[in-house]
PDB file of N, CA and C in Angstrom:
ATOM      1  N   MET A   1       1.019  -1.326  -0.103  1.00  0.00           N
ATOM      2  CA  MET A   1       0.185   0.019   0.015  1.00  0.00           C
ATOM      3  C   MET A   1       1.040   1.368   0.432  1.00  0.00           C
ATOM      4  N   SER A   2       0.793   2.177  -0.942  1.00  0.00           N
ATOM      5  CA  SER A   2       1.436   3.204  -1.178  1.00  0.00           C
ATOM      6  C   SER A   2       1.514   4.276   0.161  1.00  0.00           C
ATOM      7  N   ASP A   3       0.248   4.303   0.350  1.00  0.00           N
ATOM      8  CA  ASP A   3       0.204   5.435   2.135  1.00  0.00           C
ATOM      9  C   ASP A   3       0.528   4.843   3.401  1.00  0.00           C
ATOM     10  N   CYS A   4       0.775   3.653   3.345  1.00  0.00           N
ATOM     11  CA  CYS A   4       1.153   2.714   4.370  1.00  0.00           C
ATOM     12  C   CYS A   4       2.596   3.010   4.970  1.00  0.00           C
ATOM     13  N   LEU A   5       3.070   3.551   5.806  1.00  0.00           N
ATOM     14  CA  LEU A   5       4.126   4.063   6.283  1.00  0.00           C
ATOM     15  C   LEU A   5       5.204   2.833   6.468  1.00  0.00           C
ATOM     16  N   PHE A   6       4.776   1.588   6.851  1.00  0.00           N
ATOM     17  CA  PHE A   6       5.492   0.944   7.428  1.00  0.00           C
ATOM     18  C   PHE A   6       5.850  -0.085   5.678  1.00  0.00           C
ATOM     19  N   CYS A   7       4.658   0.027   4.681  1.00  0.00           N
ATOM     20  CA  CYS A   7       5.022  -0.356   3.212  1.00  0.00           C
ATOM     21  C   CYS A   7       6.157   0.459   2.657  1.00  0.00           C
ATOM     22  N   ARG A   8       6.104   1.355   3.287  1.00  0.00           N
ATOM     23  CA  ARG A   8       7.206   2.612   2.558  1.00  0.00           C
ATOM     24  C   ARG A   8       8.648   2.373   3.189  1.00  0.00           C
ATOM     25  N   ILE A   9       8.483   2.208   4.022  1.00  0.00           N
ATOM     26  CA  ILE A   9       9.742   1.619   5.316  1.00  0.00           C
ATOM     27  C   ILE A   9      10.466   0.654   4.344  1.00  0.00           C
ATOM     28  N   VAL A  10       9.334  -0.896   3.820  1.00  0.00           N
ATOM     29  CA  VAL A  10      10.199  -2.010   3.424  1.00  0.00           C
ATOM     30  C   VAL A  10      10.320  -1.791   1.844  1.00  0.00           C
ATOM     31  N   SER A  11       9.955  -0.963   1.400  1.00  0.00           N
ATOM     32  CA  SER A  11       9.746  -0.134  -0.374  1.00  0.00           C
ATOM     33  C   SER A  11      11.141   0.702  -0.018  1.00  0.00           C
ATOM     34  N   ARG A  12      11.755   1.202   0.723  1.00  0.00           N
ATOM     35  CA  ARG A  12      12.845   1.892   1.306  1.00  0.00           C
ATOM     36  C   ARG A  12      12.732   3.458   0.887  1.00  0.00           C
ATOM     37  N   GLN A  13      11.672   3.973   0.648  1.00  0.00           N
ATOM     38  CA  GLN A  13      10.733   5.240   0.421  1.00  0.00           C
ATOM     39  C   GLN A  13      11.217   6.286   1.658  1.00  0.00           C
ATOM     40  N   ILE A  14      11.169   5.461   2.701  1.00  0.00           N
ATOM     41  CA  ILE A  14      11.352   5.876   3.722  1.00  0.00           C
ATOM     42  C   ILE A  14      12.610   5.573   4.944  1.00  0.00           C
ATOM     43  N   PRO A  15      13.876   6.142   5.111  1.00  0.00           N
ATOM     44  CA  PRO A  15      14.580   5.892   5.779  1.00  0.00           C
ATOM     45  C   PRO A  15      14.408   5.068   7.177  1.00  0.00           C
ATOM     46  N   SER A  16      14.844   4.125   7.508  1.00  0.00           N
ATOM     47  CA  SER A  16      14.810   3.353   8.854  1.00  0.00           C
ATOM     48  C   SER A  16      16.453   2.889   9.127  1.00  0.00           C
ATOM     49  N   GLN A  17      16.155   2.469  10.490  1.00  0.00           N
ATOM     50  CA  GLN A  17      17.260   1.761  11.252  1.00  0.00           C
ATOM     51  C   GLN A  17      17.224   0.791  11.098  1.00  0.00           C
ATOM     52  N   ILE A  18      17.168  -0.162  10.033  1.00  0.00           N
ATOM     53  CA  ILE A  18      16.566  -1.579   9.746  1.00  0.00           C
ATOM     54  C   ILE A  18      17.968  -2.685  10.407  1.00  0.00           C
ATOM     55  N   VAL A  19      17.808  -3.350  11.047  1.00  0.00           N
ATOM     56  CA  VAL A  19      18.757  -4.301  11.850  1.00  0.00           C
ATOM     57  C   VAL A  19      18.465  -5.918  11.372  1.00  0.00           C
ATOM     58  N   PHE A  20      17.539  -6.386  10.644  1.00  0.00           N
ATOM     59  CA  PHE A  20      17.345  -7.720  10.507  1.00  0.00           C
ATOM     60  C   PHE A  20      16.332  -7.673   9.351  1.00  0.00           C
ATOM     61  N   GLU A  21      16.321  -8.126   8.066  1.00  0.00           N
ATOM     62  CA  GLU A  21      15.621  -8.070   7.309  1.00  0.00           C
ATOM     63  C   GLU A  21      15.948  -9.911   6.099  1.00  0.00           C
ATOM     64  N   ASP A  22      14.794 -10.254   6.123  1.00  0.00           N
ATOM     65  CA  ASP A  22      14.773 -11.209   5.347  1.00  0.00           C
ATOM     66  C   ASP A  22      13.668 -11.365   4.031  1.00  0.00           C
ATOM     67  N   ASP A  23      13.383 -12.664   3.470  1.00  0.00           N
ATOM     68  CA  ASP A  23      12.552 -12.366   2.245  1.00  0.00           C
ATOM     69  C   ASP A  23      10.909 -12.285   3.022  1.00  0.00           C
ATOM     70  N   LEU A  24      10.702 -12.268   4.569  1.00  0.00           N
ATOM     71  CA  LEU A  24       9.261 -11.987   4.694  1.00  0.00           C
ATOM     72  C   LEU A  24       9.056 -11.134   5.705  1.00  0.00           C
ATOM     73  N   ALA A  25      10.005 -10.896   6.615  1.00  0.00           N
ATOM     74  CA  ALA A  25      10.228  -9.822   7.583  1.00  0.00           C
ATOM     75  C   ALA A  25      11.202  -8.853   7.424  1.00  0.00           C
ATOM     76  N   LEU A  26      10.963  -7.847   8.240  1.00  0.00           N
ATOM     77  CA  LEU A  26      11.592  -6.508   8.534  1.00  0.00           C
ATOM     78  C   LEU A  26      11.995  -6.106   9.879  1.00  0.00           C
ATOM     79  N   VAL A  27      13.225  -5.875  10.494  1.00  0.00           N
ATOM     80  CA  VAL A  27      13.221  -5.212  11.880  1.00  0.00           C
ATOM     81  C   VAL A  27      13.611  -4.150  11.969  1.00  0.00           C
ATOM     82  N   PHE A  28      13.388  -3.322  12.693  1.00  0.00           N
ATOM     83  CA  PHE A  28      13.901  -1.774  12.538  1.00  0.00           C
ATOM     84  C   PHE A  28      13.752  -1.622  14.131  1.00  0.00           C
ATOM     85  N   GLN A  29      14.459  -0.622  14.125  1.00  0.00           N
ATOM     86  CA  GLN A  29      14.764   0.692  15.429  1.00  0.00           C
ATOM     87  C   GLN A  29      13.212   1.309  16.201  1.00  0.00           C
ATOM     88  N   ASP A  30      12.542   1.203  17.177  1.00  0.00           N
ATOM     89  CA  ASP A  30      11.480   2.212  17.388  1.00  0.00           C
ATOM     90  C   ASP A  30      11.825   3.713  17.397  1.00  0.00           C
ATOM     91  N   LEU A  31      11.223   4.138  16.573  1.00  0.00           N
ATOM     92  CA  LEU A  31      11.642   5.845  17.051  1.00  0.00           C
ATOM     93  C   LEU A  31      11.403   6.633  18.140  1.00  0.00           C
ATOM     94  N   ASN A  32      10.403   5.790  18.798  1.00  0.00           N
ATOM     95  CA  ASN A  32      10.160   6.464  20.218  1.00  0.00           C
ATOM     96  C   ASN A  32      10.244   4.921  21.150  1.00  0.00           C
ATOM     97  N   PRO A  33      11.816   4.842  21.603  1.00  0.00           N
ATOM     98  CA  PRO A  33      12.119   3.310  22.315  1.00  0.00           C
ATOM     99  C   PRO A  33      11.551   3.779  23.671  1.00  0.00           C
ATOM    100  N   GLN A  34      10.888   2.321  24.409  1.00  0.00           N
ATOM    101  CA  GLN A  34      10.347   2.574  25.783  1.00  0.00           C
ATOM    102  C   GLN A  34      11.394   1.813  26.536  1.00  0.00           C
ATOM    103  N   ALA A  35      12.063   0.846  25.946  1.00  0.00           N
ATOM    104  CA  ALA A  35      12.935   0.205  26.284  1.00  0.00           C
ATOM    105  C   ALA A  35      14.468   0.324  26.187  1.00  0.00           C
ATOM    106  N   PRO A  36      16.288  -0.127  26.499  1.00  0.00           N
ATOM    107  CA  PRO A  36      16.989   0.098  25.803  1.00  0.00           C
ATOM    108  C   PRO A  36      17.291  -1.091  24.898  1.00  0.00           C
ATOM    109  N   THR A  37      16.126  -1.640  24.674  1.00  0.00           N
ATOM    110  CA  THR A  37      16.230  -2.510  23.177  1.00  0.00           C
ATOM    111  C   THR A  37      14.613  -2.409  22.937  1.00  0.00           C
ATOM    112  N   HIS A  38      14.224  -1.604  21.932  1.00  0.00           N
ATOM    113  CA  HIS A  38      13.271  -1.473  21.287  1.00  0.00           C
ATOM    114  C   HIS A  38      12.899  -1.616  19.981  1.00  0.00           C
ATOM    115  N   VAL A  39      12.484  -2.686  19.211  1.00  0.00           N
ATOM    116  CA  VAL A  39      12.550  -2.872  17.741  1.00  0.00           C
ATOM    117  C   VAL A  39      11.411  -3.226  17.479  1.00  0.00           C
ATOM    118  N   LEU A  40      11.033  -2.836  16.262  1.00  0.00           N
ATOM    119  CA  LEU A  40       9.543  -3.152  15.661  1.00  0.00           C
ATOM    120  C   LEU A  40       9.922  -4.339  14.424  1.00  0.00           C
ATOM    121  N   ILE A  41       9.241  -5.490  14.439  1.00  0.00           N
ATOM    122  CA  ILE A  41       9.097  -6.697  13.379  1.00  0.00           C
ATOM    123  C   ILE A  41       8.062  -6.609  12.369  1.00  0.00           C
ATOM    124  N   ILE A  42       8.273  -6.856  11.525  1.00  0.00           N
ATOM    125  CA  ILE A  42       7.085  -6.160  10.404  1.00  0.00           C
ATOM    126  C   ILE A  42       7.081  -6.963   9.248  1.00  0.00           C
ATOM    127  N   PRO A  43       5.838  -7.627   9.043  1.00  0.00           N
ATOM    128  CA  PRO A  43       5.830  -8.517   7.802  1.00  0.00           C
ATOM    129  C   PRO A  43       6.112  -8.013   6.884  1.00  0.00           C
ATOM    130  N   LYS A  44       6.569  -8.080   5.618  1.00  0.00           N
ATOM    131  CA  LYS A  44       6.612  -6.877   4.578  1.00  0.00           C
ATOM    132  C   LYS A  44       5.746  -7.184   3.941  1.00  0.00           C
ATOM    133  N   LYS A  45       4.256  -8.245   3.786  1.00  0.00           N
ATOM    134  CA  LYS A  45       3.205  -8.410   3.542  1.00  0.00           C
ATOM    135  C   LYS A  45       2.258  -7.234   4.206  1.00  0.00           C
ATOM    136  N   HIS A  46       1.607  -6.660   3.705  1.00  0.00           N
ATOM    137  CA  HIS A  46       0.788  -5.422   3.985  1.00  0.00           C
ATOM    138  C   HIS A  46      -0.794  -6.534   4.807  1.00  0.00           C
ATOM    139  N   ILE A  47      -0.658  -6.420   6.047  1.00  0.00           N
ATOM    140  CA  ILE A  47      -1.459  -6.671   6.895  1.00  0.00           C
ATOM    141  C   ILE A  47      -2.274  -6.020   8.002  1.00  0.00           C
ATOM    142  N   PRO A  48      -3.269  -5.089   7.949  1.00  0.00           N
ATOM    143  CA  PRO A  48      -3.621  -3.843   8.520  1.00  0.00           C
ATOM    144  C   PRO A  48      -3.264  -4.103   9.970  1.00  0.00           C
ATOM    145  N   SER A  49      -3.822  -5.516  10.684  1.00  0.00           N
ATOM    146  CA  SER A  49      -3.594  -5.624  11.995  1.00  0.00           C
ATOM    147  C   SER A  49      -3.668  -7.036  12.275  1.00  0.00           C
ATOM    148  N   LEU A  50      -3.586  -7.575  13.382  1.00  0.00           N
ATOM    149  CA  LEU A  50      -3.569  -9.191  13.583  1.00  0.00           C
ATOM    150  C   LEU A  50      -4.926  -9.381  13.645  1.00  0.00           C
ATOM    151  N   ALA A  51      -5.588  -8.853  13.584  1.00  0.00           N
ATOM    152  CA  ALA A  51      -7.376  -9.055  13.472  1.00  0.00           C
ATOM    153  C   ALA A  51      -7.661  -9.281  12.139  1.00  0.00           C
ATOM    154  N   ASP A  52      -6.917  -9.022  10.924  1.00  0.00           N
ATOM    155  CA  ASP A  52      -6.960  -8.776   9.695  1.00  0.00           C
ATOM    156  C   ASP A  52      -6.135 -10.173   9.102  1.00  0.00           C
ATOM    157  N   ALA A  53      -5.213 -10.724  10.027  1.00  0.00           N
ATOM    158  CA  ALA A  53      -4.524 -11.679   9.940  1.00  0.00           C
ATOM    159  C   ALA A  53      -5.666 -13.230   9.289  1.00  0.00           C
ATOM    160  N   ALA A  54      -5.382 -13.649   7.866  1.00  0.00           N
ATOM    161  CA  ALA A  54      -6.070 -14.920   7.486  1.00  0.00           C
ATOM    162  C   ALA A  54      -5.461 -15.625   7.541  1.00  0.00           C
ATOM    163  N   GLU A  55      -5.950 -16.796   7.016  1.00  0.00           N
ATOM    164  CA  GLU A  55      -5.723 -18.474   7.753  1.00  0.00           C
ATOM    165  C   GLU A  55      -4.551 -18.594   6.847  1.00  0.00           C
ATOM    166  N   GLU A  56      -3.918 -18.035   5.510  1.00  0.00           N
ATOM    167  CA  GLU A  56      -3.209 -18.392   4.592  1.00  0.00           C
ATOM    168  C   GLU A  56      -1.891 -17.399   5.513  1.00  0.00           C
ATOM    169  N   ASP A  57      -2.164 -16.969   6.276  1.00  0.00           N
ATOM    170  CA  ASP A  57      -0.966 -15.967   6.855  1.00  0.00           C
ATOM    171  C   ASP A  57      -0.216 -16.584   7.973  1.00  0.00           C
ATOM    172  N   ALA A  58      -0.838 -18.214   8.785  1.00  0.00           N
ATOM    173  CA  ALA A  58      -0.205 -18.682   9.876  1.00  0.00           C
ATOM    174  C   ALA A  58       1.032 -18.715   9.663  1.00  0.00           C
ATOM    175  N   ALA A  59       1.609 -19.180   8.679  1.00  0.00           N
ATOM    176  CA  ALA A  59       3.172 -19.413   8.458  1.00  0.00           C
ATOM    177  C   ALA A  59       3.998 -18.165   8.897  1.00  0.00           C
ATOM    178  N   LEU A  60       3.337 -17.134   7.782  1.00  0.00           N
ATOM    179  CA  LEU A  60       4.051 -15.779   8.122  1.00  0.00           C
ATOM    180  C   LEU A  60       4.134 -14.910   9.615  1.00  0.00           C
ATOM    181  N   LEU A  61       2.886 -15.405  10.307  1.00  0.00           N
ATOM    182  CA  LEU A  61       2.690 -15.550  11.880  1.00  0.00           C
ATOM    183  C   LEU A  61       3.848 -15.805  12.912  1.00  0.00           C
ATOM    184  N   GLY A  62       3.931 -17.082  12.391  1.00  0.00           N
ATOM    185  CA  GLY A  62       4.893 -18.132  13.171  1.00  0.00           C
ATOM    186  C   GLY A  62       6.197 -17.627  12.706  1.00  0.00           C
ATOM    187  N   HIS A  63       6.492 -17.243  11.457  1.00  0.00           N
ATOM    188  CA  HIS A  63       8.073 -16.497  11.132  1.00  0.00           C
ATOM    189  C   HIS A  63       8.377 -15.316  12.200  1.00  0.00           C
ATOM    190  N   LEU A  64       7.388 -14.520  11.962  1.00  0.00           N
ATOM    191  CA  LEU A  64       7.954 -13.408  12.842  1.00  0.00           C
ATOM    192  C   LEU A  64       8.025 -13.487  13.928  1.00  0.00           C
ATOM    193  N   GLN A  65       7.888 -14.773  14.787  1.00  0.00           N
ATOM    194  CA  GLN A  65       7.673 -14.878  16.228  1.00  0.00           C
ATOM    195  C   GLN A  65       9.075 -15.203  16.363  1.00  0.00           C
ATOM    196  N   ARG A  66       9.408 -16.189  15.494  1.00  0.00           N
ATOM    197  CA  ARG A  66      10.431 -17.194  15.319  1.00  0.00           C
ATOM    198  C   ARG A  66      11.668 -15.784  15.351  1.00  0.00           C
ATOM    199  N   VAL A  67      11.617 -14.836  14.521  1.00  0.00           N
ATOM    200  CA  VAL A  67      12.475 -13.633  13.826  1.00  0.00           C
ATOM    201  C   VAL A  67      12.297 -13.267  15.614  1.00  0.00           C
ATOM    202  N   ALA A  68      11.708 -12.748  16.186  1.00  0.00           N
ATOM    203  CA  ALA A  68      11.426 -12.300  17.418  1.00  0.00           C
ATOM    204  C   ALA A  68      12.626 -13.105  18.256  1.00  0.00           C
ATOM    205  N   GLY A  69      12.244 -14.229  18.634  1.00  0.00           N
ATOM    206  CA  GLY A  69      13.258 -14.898  19.288  1.00  0.00           C
ATOM    207  C   GLY A  69      14.624 -15.120  18.928  1.00  0.00           C
ATOM    208  N   ARG A  70      14.984 -15.432  17.836  1.00  0.00           N
ATOM    209  CA  ARG A  70      16.222 -15.200  17.078  1.00  0.00           C
ATOM    210  C   ARG A  70      16.881 -13.751  17.351  1.00  0.00           C
ATOM    211  N   PHE A  71      16.431 -12.730  17.022  1.00  0.00           N
ATOM    212  CA  PHE A  71      16.722 -11.331  17.514  1.00  0.00           C
ATOM    213  C   PHE A  71      17.179 -11.278  18.863  1.00  0.00           C
ATOM    214  N   ALA A  72      16.583 -11.613  19.751  1.00  0.00           N
ATOM    215  CA  ALA A  72      16.673 -11.627  21.523  1.00  0.00           C
ATOM    216  C   ALA A  72      17.647 -12.715  21.632  1.00  0.00           C
ATOM    217  N   ARG A  73      17.972 -13.530  21.329  1.00  0.00           N
ATOM    218  CA  ARG A  73      19.093 -14.399  21.349  1.00  0.00           C
ATOM    219  C   ARG A  73      20.287 -13.751  21.122  1.00  0.00           C
ATOM    220  N   GLU A  74      20.821 -13.204  19.666  1.00  0.00           N
ATOM    221  CA  GLU A  74      21.717 -12.644  19.122  1.00  0.00           C
ATOM    222  C   GLU A  74      22.156 -11.333  19.679  1.00  0.00           C
ATOM    223  N   HIS A  75      20.921 -10.701  20.756  1.00  0.00           N
ATOM    224  CA  HIS A  75      20.989  -9.480  21.086  1.00  0.00           C
ATOM    225  C   HIS A  75      20.795  -9.827  22.449  1.00  0.00           C
ATOM    226  N   SER A  76      21.246 -10.605  22.969  1.00  0.00           N
ATOM    227  CA  SER A  76      21.670 -11.228  24.318  1.00  0.00           C
ATOM    228  C   SER A  76      20.729 -10.547  25.707  1.00  0.00           C
ATOM    229  N   LEU A  77      19.307 -10.430  25.198  1.00  0.00           N
ATOM    230  CA  LEU A  77      18.228 -10.706  25.889  1.00  0.00           C
ATOM    231  C   LEU A  77      17.721 -11.637  26.493  1.00  0.00           C
ATOM    232  N   GLU A  78      18.843 -12.869  26.894  1.00  0.00           N
ATOM    233  CA  GLU A  78      18.668 -13.557  27.887  1.00  0.00           C
ATOM    234  C   GLU A  78      17.990 -13.368  29.214  1.00  0.00           C
ATOM    235  N   LYS A  79      17.865 -12.485  29.829  1.00  0.00           N
ATOM    236  CA  LYS A  79      17.189 -12.373  31.253  1.00  0.00           C
ATOM    237  C   LYS A  79      15.709 -11.908  30.655  1.00  0.00           C
ATOM    238  N   GLY A  80      15.170 -11.851  29.612  1.00  0.00           N
ATOM    239  CA  GLY A  80      13.990 -11.733  29.404  1.00  0.00           C
ATOM    240  C   GLY A  80      13.793 -10.726  28.201  1.00  0.00           C
ATOM    241  N   PHE A  81      12.432 -10.731  27.931  1.00  0.00           N
ATOM    242  CA  PHE A  81      11.981  -9.548  26.823  1.00  0.00           C
ATOM    243  C   PHE A  81      10.628  -9.782  26.705  1.00  0.00           C
ATOM    244  N   ARG A  82      10.164  -8.796  26.189  1.00  0.00           N
ATOM    245  CA  ARG A  82       8.666  -8.776  25.615  1.00  0.00           C
ATOM    246  C   ARG A  82       8.411  -8.606  24.340  1.00  0.00           C
ATOM    247  N   VAL A  83       7.483  -9.108  23.800  1.00  0.00           N
ATOM    248  CA  VAL A  83       6.424  -9.223  22.264  1.00  0.00           C
ATOM    249  C   VAL A  83       5.098  -8.361  22.360  1.00  0.00           C
ATOM    250  N   VAL A  84       5.237  -7.473  22.222  1.00  0.00           N
ATOM    251  CA  VAL A  84       3.490  -7.050  22.057  1.00  0.00           C
ATOM    252  C   VAL A  84       3.131  -6.708  20.481  1.00  0.00           C
ATOM    253  N   THR A  85       1.953  -6.663  20.330  1.00  0.00           N
ATOM    254  CA  THR A  85       1.284  -5.720  19.245  1.00  0.00           C
ATOM    255  C   THR A  85      -0.154  -5.494  19.588  1.00  0.00           C
ATOM    256  N   ASN A  86      -0.451  -4.284  19.259  1.00  0.00           N
ATOM    257  CA  ASN A  86      -1.700  -3.452  19.175  1.00  0.00           C
ATOM    258  C   ASN A  86      -2.253  -3.819  18.090  1.00  0.00           C
ATOM    259  N   SER A  87      -3.582  -4.240  18.606  1.00  0.00           N
ATOM    260  CA  SER A  87      -4.647  -4.431  17.510  1.00  0.00           C
ATOM    261  C   SER A  87      -5.770  -3.586  17.782  1.00  0.00           C
ATOM    262  N   GLY A  88      -6.081  -2.490  16.406  1.00  0.00           N
ATOM    263  CA  GLY A  88      -6.811  -1.926  16.659  1.00  0.00           C
ATOM    264  C   GLY A  88      -6.836  -0.318  17.134  1.00  0.00           C
ATOM    265  N   ARG A  89      -7.193   0.955  16.975  1.00  0.00           N
ATOM    266  CA  ARG A  89      -7.075   1.986  17.747  1.00  0.00           C
ATOM    267  C   ARG A  89      -7.190   1.593  19.228  1.00  0.00           C
ATOM    268  N   GLY A  90      -8.521   1.190  19.810  1.00  0.00           N
ATOM    269  CA  GLY A  90      -8.665   1.216  20.653  1.00  0.00           C
ATOM    270  C   GLY A  90      -7.459   0.360  22.112  1.00  0.00           C
ATOM    271  N   ALA A  91      -6.360  -0.060  21.055  1.00  0.00           N
ATOM    272  CA  ALA A  91      -5.541  -0.871  21.826  1.00  0.00           C
ATOM    273  C   ALA A  91      -3.909  -0.332  21.746  1.00  0.00           C
ATOM    274  N   GLY A  92      -4.229   0.906  21.020  1.00  0.00           N
ATOM    275  CA  GLY A  92      -3.107   1.809  20.791  1.00  0.00           C
ATOM    276  C   GLY A  92      -2.310   1.390  19.584  1.00  0.00           C
ATOM    277  N   GLN A  93      -2.918   0.434  18.642  1.00  0.00           N
ATOM    278  CA  GLN A  93      -2.282   0.543  17.062  1.00  0.00           C
ATOM    279  C   GLN A  93      -2.752   1.906  16.567  1.00  0.00           C
ATOM    280  N   SER A  94      -1.209   2.567  16.056  1.00  0.00           N
ATOM    281  CA  SER A  94      -1.226   3.930  15.620  1.00  0.00           C
ATOM    282  C   SER A  94      -0.718   3.833  14.100  1.00  0.00           C
ATOM    283  N   VAL A  95      -0.154   2.917  13.434  1.00  0.00           N
ATOM    284  CA  VAL A  95       0.254   2.499  12.309  1.00  0.00           C
ATOM    285  C   VAL A  95      -0.695   1.390  11.894  1.00  0.00           C
ATOM    286  N   ASP A  96      -1.470   1.539  10.777  1.00  0.00           N
ATOM    287  CA  ASP A  96      -1.961   0.106  10.203  1.00  0.00           C
ATOM    288  C   ASP A  96      -1.716  -0.734   9.157  1.00  0.00           C
ATOM    289  N   HIS A  97      -0.049  -1.563  10.133  1.00  0.00           N
ATOM    290  CA  HIS A  97       0.416  -2.700   9.353  1.00  0.00           C
ATOM    291  C   HIS A  97       0.836  -3.091  10.412  1.00  0.00           C
ATOM    292  N   LEU A  98       0.529  -4.777  10.444  1.00  0.00           N
ATOM    293  CA  LEU A  98       0.743  -5.534  11.576  1.00  0.00           C
ATOM    294  C   LEU A  98       2.310  -5.073  11.895  1.00  0.00           C
ATOM    295  N   HIS A  99       2.259  -4.855  13.067  1.00  0.00           N
ATOM    296  CA  HIS A  99       3.748  -5.108  13.849  1.00  0.00           C
ATOM    297  C   HIS A  99       3.967  -5.934  15.303  1.00  0.00           C
ATOM    298  N   TYR A 100       4.743  -5.850  15.763  1.00  0.00           N
ATOM    299  CA  TYR A 100       5.305  -6.264  16.804  1.00  0.00           C
ATOM    300  C   TYR A 100       6.342  -5.704  17.531  1.00  0.00           C
ATOM    301  N   HIS A 101       6.558  -5.166  19.112  1.00  0.00           N
ATOM    302  CA  HIS A 101       7.085  -4.399  19.710  1.00  0.00           C
ATOM    303  C   HIS A 101       8.040  -5.821  20.279  1.00  0.00           C
ATOM    304  N   LEU A 102       9.590  -5.689  20.317  1.00  0.00           N
ATOM    305  CA  LEU A 102      10.100  -6.526  21.283  1.00  0.00           C
ATOM    306  C   LEU A 102      10.844  -5.134  22.025  1.00  0.00           C
ATOM    307  N   LEU A 103      10.992  -5.681  23.053  1.00  0.00           N
ATOM    308  CA  LEU A 103      10.968  -4.564  24.083  1.00  0.00           C
ATOM    309  C   LEU A 103      12.168  -5.447  25.110  1.00  0.00           C
ATOM    310  N   GLY A 104      13.043  -4.786  25.408  1.00  0.00           N
ATOM    311  CA  GLY A 104      14.460  -5.957  26.220  1.00  0.00           C
ATOM    312  C   GLY A 104      15.369  -5.177  27.164  1.00  0.00           C
ATOM    313  N   GLY A 105      16.233  -5.616  28.028  1.00  0.00           N
ATOM    314  CA  GLY A 105      17.302  -4.681  28.410  1.00  0.00           C
ATOM    315  C   GLY A 105      16.566  -4.009  29.768  1.00  0.00           C
ATOM    316  N   ARG A 106      15.427  -3.891  30.466  1.00  0.00           N
ATOM    317  CA  ARG A 106      15.291  -3.737  31.916  1.00  0.00           C
ATOM    318  C   ARG A 106      13.874  -4.448  32.236  1.00  0.00           C
ATOM    319  N   ALA A 107      14.258  -4.524  33.578  1.00  0.00           N
ATOM    320  CA  ALA A 107      13.039  -5.376  33.794  1.00  0.00           C
ATOM    321  C   ALA A 107      11.389  -4.843  33.426  1.00  0.00           C
ATOM    322  N   MET A 108      10.376  -5.535  33.217  1.00  0.00           N
ATOM    323  CA  MET A 108       9.454  -5.366  32.702  1.00  0.00           C
ATOM    324  C   MET A 108       8.329  -5.590  33.928  1.00  0.00           C
ATOM    325  N   THR A 109       7.204  -4.700  33.739  1.00  0.00           N
ATOM    326  CA  THR A 109       6.110  -4.804  35.046  1.00  0.00           C
ATOM    327  C   THR A 109       4.904  -5.334  34.340  1.00  0.00           C
ATOM    328  N   TRP A 110       4.055  -5.782  35.017  1.00  0.00           N
ATOM    329  CA  TRP A 110       2.710  -6.045  34.740  1.00  0.00           C
ATOM    330  C   TRP A 110       1.574  -5.351  35.843  1.00  0.00           C
ATOM    331  N   PRO A 111       0.505  -4.655  35.363  1.00  0.00           N
ATOM    332  CA  PRO A 111       0.000  -4.814  33.845  1.00  0.00           C
ATOM    333  C   PRO A 111       0.805  -3.744  33.052  1.00  0.00           C
ATOM    334  N   PRO A 112       0.909  -4.258  31.916  1.00  0.00           N
ATOM    335  CA  PRO A 112       1.808  -2.962  30.937  1.00  0.00           C
ATOM    336  C   PRO A 112       1.532  -2.066  30.746  1.00  0.00           C
ATOM    337  N   GLY A 113       0.014  -1.449  30.585  1.00  0.00           N
ATOM    338  CA  GLY A 113      -0.199  -0.342  30.583  1.00  0.00           C
ATOM    339  C   GLY A 113      -1.885  -0.048  30.250  1.00  0.00           C
TER     340      GLY A 113
END
């Protein structure tokens, strides 16, 4: 989608601090980090939110989770990390492209917010 911020990052129309990329996913630094490590993990395929994911997206969703685990291992987050996705405006989703926040490097509290 040409008007989607994250699709424009995927297509390199908007610069971003990309820290990992493969055929299906992109990982980049959050512009407003809430932890010492705070990256966004997005599918290259445009999916507006988790609620919009189709059955055909099941393997892609699993891949995104594996990317999160790999990133955490490679960045020494063995003490713990959190993966969060917001689905819909009421949950705080501000970009209509499925994305996961991976946060680590500090103690996390519960409930989150």
